[in-house]
Amino acid sequence: MANSTIWWLIAGATVVLELLSGTVYLLMLAAGFGAAALTAHLGGGLVAQLMAAAIVGVGAVAIWYVIKRRRPASPGASANRNINLDIGESVHVDAWNADGTATVRYRGSQWTVVPRAGSAPSTGEHRIAEVVGSRLIVDKI
């Protein structure tokens, strides 16, 4: 069996493992194995094939790692608008209790409202910043 065929089989098996595991890193390693197969097609020796696999595979993983580290962290589920559609909606606070909470009517039921840490309670319109259990964490608009 030719070296290129072996590399293509390894690349295919790595893609299958990636589909089963859901990690993108295995797909990048499969690209490295594909580069080794192309090197074999071009007549490169075993050392050149291994170097191509290592450079492309590890290089792709390193580049992806750097790109992923530079992205800002996504908010948790309680503050993520893509998960919780209440984030960003408005509520009206008429009065605050002595304990720093308020009760508002929102979506047909009573909710406990708490100002975000570091904010002073004030009446008026507020925007929902986070939902923690049955409490709405709000910011003044």
C-alpha atoms as a PDB file:
ATOM      1  CA  MET A   1       0.000   0.000   0.000  1.00  0.00           C
ATOM      2  CA  ALA A   2       1.327   3.443  -0.904  1.00  0.00           C
ATOM      3  CA  ASN A   3       2.262   5.955   1.782  1.00  0.00           C
ATOM      4  CA  SER A   4      -0.274   8.448   0.430  1.00  0.00           C
ATOM      5  CA  THR A   5      -3.074   5.913   0.848  1.00  0.00           C
ATOM      6  CA  ILE A   6      -2.085   5.307   4.455  1.00  0.00           C
ATOM      7  CA  TRP A   7      -2.045   9.042   5.143  1.00  0.00           C
ATOM      8  CA  TRP A   8      -5.477   9.472   3.532  1.00  0.00           C
ATOM      9  CA  LEU A   9      -6.864   6.627   5.670  1.00  0.00           C
ATOM     10  CA  ILE A  10      -5.425   8.208   8.821  1.00  0.00           C
ATOM     11  CA  ALA A  11      -6.883  11.592   7.809  1.00  0.00           C
ATOM     12  CA  GLY A  12     -10.289   9.999   7.181  1.00  0.00           C
ATOM     13  CA  ALA A  13     -10.226   8.179  10.520  1.00  0.00           C
ATOM     14  CA  THR A  14      -9.335  11.429  12.268  1.00  0.00           C
ATOM     15  CA  VAL A  15     -12.278  13.184  10.593  1.00  0.00           C
ATOM     16  CA  VAL A  16     -14.578  10.388  11.781  1.00  0.00           C
ATOM     17  CA  LEU A  17     -13.218  10.751  15.324  1.00  0.00           C
ATOM     18  CA  GLU A  18     -13.790  14.505  15.082  1.00  0.00           C
ATOM     19  CA  LEU A  19     -17.409  13.964  14.054  1.00  0.00           C
ATOM     20  CA  LEU A  20     -17.917  11.614  16.997  1.00  0.00           C
ATOM     21  CA  SER A  21     -16.223  13.868  19.558  1.00  0.00           C
ATOM     22  CA  GLY A  22     -17.228  17.322  18.290  1.00  0.00           C
ATOM     23  CA  THR A  23     -13.814  18.911  18.754  1.00  0.00           C
ATOM     24  CA  VAL A  24     -12.340  21.067  16.027  1.00  0.00           C
ATOM     25  CA  TYR A  25      -8.762  20.231  16.974  1.00  0.00           C
ATOM     26  CA  LEU A  26      -8.953  16.740  15.465  1.00  0.00           C
ATOM     27  CA  LEU A  27     -10.106  18.286  12.196  1.00  0.00           C
ATOM     28  CA  MET A  28      -6.966  20.413  12.121  1.00  0.00           C
ATOM     29  CA  LEU A  29      -4.809  17.372  12.768  1.00  0.00           C
ATOM     30  CA  ALA A  30      -6.635  15.665   9.891  1.00  0.00           C
ATOM     31  CA  ALA A  31      -5.579  18.590   7.695  1.00  0.00           C
ATOM     32  CA  GLY A  32      -2.003  17.854   8.729  1.00  0.00           C
ATOM     33  CA  PHE A  33      -2.419  14.216   7.739  1.00  0.00           C
ATOM     34  CA  GLY A  34      -3.846  15.372   4.427  1.00  0.00           C
ATOM     35  CA  ALA A  35      -0.771  17.553   3.912  1.00  0.00           C
ATOM     36  CA  ALA A  36       1.387  14.479   4.523  1.00  0.00           C
ATOM     37  CA  ALA A  37      -0.623  12.568   1.915  1.00  0.00           C
ATOM     38  CA  LEU A  38      -0.115  15.365  -0.609  1.00  0.00           C
ATOM     39  CA  THR A  39       3.600  15.355   0.178  1.00  0.00           C
ATOM     40  CA  ALA A  40       3.632  11.605  -0.506  1.00  0.00           C
ATOM     41  CA  HIS A  41       1.836  12.217  -3.833  1.00  0.00           C
ATOM     42  CA  LEU A  42       4.525  14.744  -4.756  1.00  0.00           C
ATOM     43  CA  GLY A  43       7.208  12.149  -4.090  1.00  0.00           C
ATOM     44  CA  GLY A  44       8.481  13.393  -0.725  1.00  0.00           C
ATOM     45  CA  GLY A  45      10.176  10.917   1.556  1.00  0.00           C
ATOM     46  CA  LEU A  46       8.882   9.694   4.901  1.00  0.00           C
ATOM     47  CA  VAL A  47      10.701  12.467   6.802  1.00  0.00           C
ATOM     48  CA  ALA A  48       9.145  15.126   4.538  1.00  0.00           C
ATOM     49  CA  GLN A  49       5.723  13.559   5.032  1.00  0.00           C
ATOM     50  CA  LEU A  50       6.094  13.563   8.803  1.00  0.00           C
ATOM     51  CA  MET A  51       7.317  17.153   8.747  1.00  0.00           C
ATOM     52  CA  ALA A  52       4.344  18.230   6.608  1.00  0.00           C
ATOM     53  CA  ALA A  53       1.916  16.503   8.983  1.00  0.00           C
ATOM     54  CA  ALA A  54       3.551  18.069  12.017  1.00  0.00           C
ATOM     55  CA  ILE A  55       3.882  21.590  10.613  1.00  0.00           C
ATOM     56  CA  VAL A  56       0.362  21.819   9.170  1.00  0.00           C
ATOM     57  CA  GLY A  57      -1.424  19.955  11.975  1.00  0.00           C
ATOM     58  CA  VAL A  58       0.311  21.509  14.944  1.00  0.00           C
ATOM     59  CA  GLY A  59       0.440  24.904  13.214  1.00  0.00           C
ATOM     60  CA  ALA A  60      -3.316  24.872  12.606  1.00  0.00           C
ATOM     61  CA  VAL A  61      -3.982  23.876  16.213  1.00  0.00           C
ATOM     62  CA  ALA A  62      -1.674  26.630  17.500  1.00  0.00           C
ATOM     63  CA  ILE A  63      -3.263  29.269  15.280  1.00  0.00           C
ATOM     64  CA  TRP A  64      -6.770  28.210  16.364  1.00  0.00           C
ATOM     65  CA  TYR A  65      -5.711  28.307  20.017  1.00  0.00           C
ATOM     66  CA  VAL A  66      -4.379  31.858  19.644  1.00  0.00           C
ATOM     67  CA  ILE A  67      -7.523  33.019  17.826  1.00  0.00           C
ATOM     68  CA  LYS A  68      -9.759  31.461  20.467  1.00  0.00           C
ATOM     69  CA  ARG A  69      -7.775  33.046  23.330  1.00  0.00           C
ATOM     70  CA  ARG A  70      -8.094  36.528  21.775  1.00  0.00           C
ATOM     71  CA  ARG A  71     -11.880  36.386  21.632  1.00  0.00           C
ATOM     72  CA  PRO A  72     -13.681  37.880  24.606  1.00  0.00           C
ATOM     73  CA  ALA A  73     -15.299  35.304  26.842  1.00  0.00           C
ATOM     74  CA  SER A  74     -18.995  34.864  26.211  1.00  0.00           C
ATOM     75  CA  PRO A  75     -21.288  35.676  29.132  1.00  0.00           C
ATOM     76  CA  GLY A  76     -22.707  32.839  31.180  1.00  0.00           C
ATOM     77  CA  ALA A  77     -26.120  31.408  30.402  1.00  0.00           C
ATOM     78  CA  SER A  78     -27.837  33.706  32.909  1.00  0.00           C
ATOM     79  CA  ALA A  79     -26.582  36.824  31.067  1.00  0.00           C
ATOM     80  CA  ASN A  80     -26.491  35.551  27.473  1.00  0.00           C
ATOM     81  CA  ARG A  81     -29.195  37.002  25.215  1.00  0.00           C
ATOM     82  CA  ASN A  82     -28.854  34.050  22.816  1.00  0.00           C
ATOM     83  CA  ILE A  83     -29.969  31.690  25.586  1.00  0.00           C
ATOM     84  CA  ASN A  84     -32.264  33.862  27.715  1.00  0.00           C
ATOM     85  CA  LEU A  85     -34.527  36.160  25.714  1.00  0.00           C
ATOM     86  CA  ASP A  86     -35.384  38.253  28.790  1.00  0.00           C
ATOM     87  CA  ILE A  87     -31.925  39.868  28.707  1.00  0.00           C
ATOM     88  CA  GLY A  88     -32.229  43.406  27.347  1.00  0.00           C
ATOM     89  CA  GLU A  89     -35.957  43.753  28.024  1.00  0.00           C
ATOM     90  CA  SER A  90     -37.282  46.683  30.061  1.00  0.00           C
ATOM     91  CA  VAL A  91     -39.125  46.723  33.374  1.00  0.00           C
ATOM     92  CA  HIS A  92     -40.483  49.645  35.381  1.00  0.00           C
ATOM     93  CA  VAL A  93     -39.579  49.837  39.087  1.00  0.00           C
ATOM     94  CA  ASP A  94     -42.011  51.959  41.109  1.00  0.00           C
ATOM     95  CA  ALA A  95     -40.336  51.617  44.525  1.00  0.00           C
ATOM     96  CA  TRP A  96     -37.457  49.793  46.189  1.00  0.00           C
ATOM     97  CA  ASN A  97     -37.696  47.875  49.449  1.00  0.00           C
ATOM     98  CA  ALA A  98     -35.374  48.531  52.387  1.00  0.00           C
ATOM     99  CA  ASP A  99     -33.427  45.335  51.603  1.00  0.00           C
ATOM    100  CA  GLY A 100     -32.469  46.617  48.129  1.00  0.00           C
ATOM    101  CA  THR A 101     -35.006  44.565  46.171  1.00  0.00           C
ATOM    102  CA  ALA A 102     -38.169  45.489  44.350  1.00  0.00           C
ATOM    103  CA  THR A 103     -41.140  43.603  42.968  1.00  0.00           C
ATOM    104  CA  VAL A 104     -42.259  44.184  39.382  1.00  0.00           C
ATOM    105  CA  ARG A 105     -44.858  42.657  37.130  1.00  0.00           C
ATOM    106  CA  TYR A 106     -43.144  41.149  34.089  1.00  0.00           C
ATOM    107  CA  ARG A 107     -44.491  38.589  31.597  1.00  0.00           C
ATOM    108  CA  GLY A 108     -47.692  38.174  33.604  1.00  0.00           C
ATOM    109  CA  SER A 109     -46.128  37.350  36.967  1.00  0.00           C
ATOM    110  CA  GLN A 110     -44.367  38.968  39.917  1.00  0.00           C
ATOM    111  CA  TRP A 111     -40.561  39.066  39.787  1.00  0.00           C
ATOM    112  CA  THR A 112     -38.001  40.153  42.357  1.00  0.00           C
ATOM    113  CA  VAL A 113     -35.682  42.811  40.961  1.00  0.00           C
ATOM    114  CA  VAL A 114     -32.170  43.510  42.240  1.00  0.00           C
ATOM    115  CA  PRO A 115     -29.857  46.263  40.964  1.00  0.00           C
ATOM    116  CA  ARG A 116     -26.550  45.117  39.493  1.00  0.00           C
ATOM    117  CA  ALA A 117     -23.670  45.116  41.979  1.00  0.00           C
ATOM    118  CA  GLY A 118     -22.263  48.603  42.374  1.00  0.00           C
ATOM    119  CA  SER A 119     -25.486  50.324  41.250  1.00  0.00           C
ATOM    120  CA  ALA A 120     -27.690  52.381  43.532  1.00  0.00           C
ATOM    121  CA  PRO A 121     -31.416  51.538  43.498  1.00  0.00           C
ATOM    122  CA  SER A 122     -33.484  54.169  41.707  1.00  0.00           C
ATOM    123  CA  THR A 123     -37.033  54.191  40.425  1.00  0.00           C
ATOM    124  CA  GLY A 124     -37.984  54.257  36.747  1.00  0.00           C
ATOM    125  CA  GLU A 125     -37.171  52.185  33.692  1.00  0.00           C
ATOM    126  CA  HIS A 126     -34.532  49.480  34.011  1.00  0.00           C
ATOM    127  CA  ARG A 127     -33.034  47.021  31.548  1.00  0.00           C
ATOM    128  CA  ILE A 128     -32.679  43.351  32.492  1.00  0.00           C
ATOM    129  CA  ALA A 129     -28.977  42.448  32.507  1.00  0.00           C
ATOM    130  CA  GLU A 130     -29.162  38.957  33.992  1.00  0.00           C
ATOM    131  CA  VAL A 131     -31.666  36.410  35.272  1.00  0.00           C
ATOM    132  CA  VAL A 132     -30.655  34.443  38.357  1.00  0.00           C
ATOM    133  CA  GLY A 133     -33.354  31.994  39.387  1.00  0.00           C
ATOM    134  CA  SER A 134     -36.476  34.076  39.922  1.00  0.00           C
ATOM    135  CA  ARG A 135     -34.548  37.343  40.303  1.00  0.00           C
ATOM    136  CA  LEU A 136     -33.967  39.914  37.605  1.00  0.00           C
ATOM    137  CA  ILE A 137     -30.652  41.758  37.832  1.00  0.00           C
ATOM    138  CA  VAL A 138     -31.236  45.195  36.284  1.00  0.00           C
ATOM    139  CA  ASP A 139     -29.396  48.312  35.135  1.00  0.00           C
ATOM    140  CA  LYS A 140     -30.921  51.801  35.113  1.00  0.00           C
ATOM    141  CA  ILE A 141     -31.701  53.035  31.609  1.00  0.00           C
END
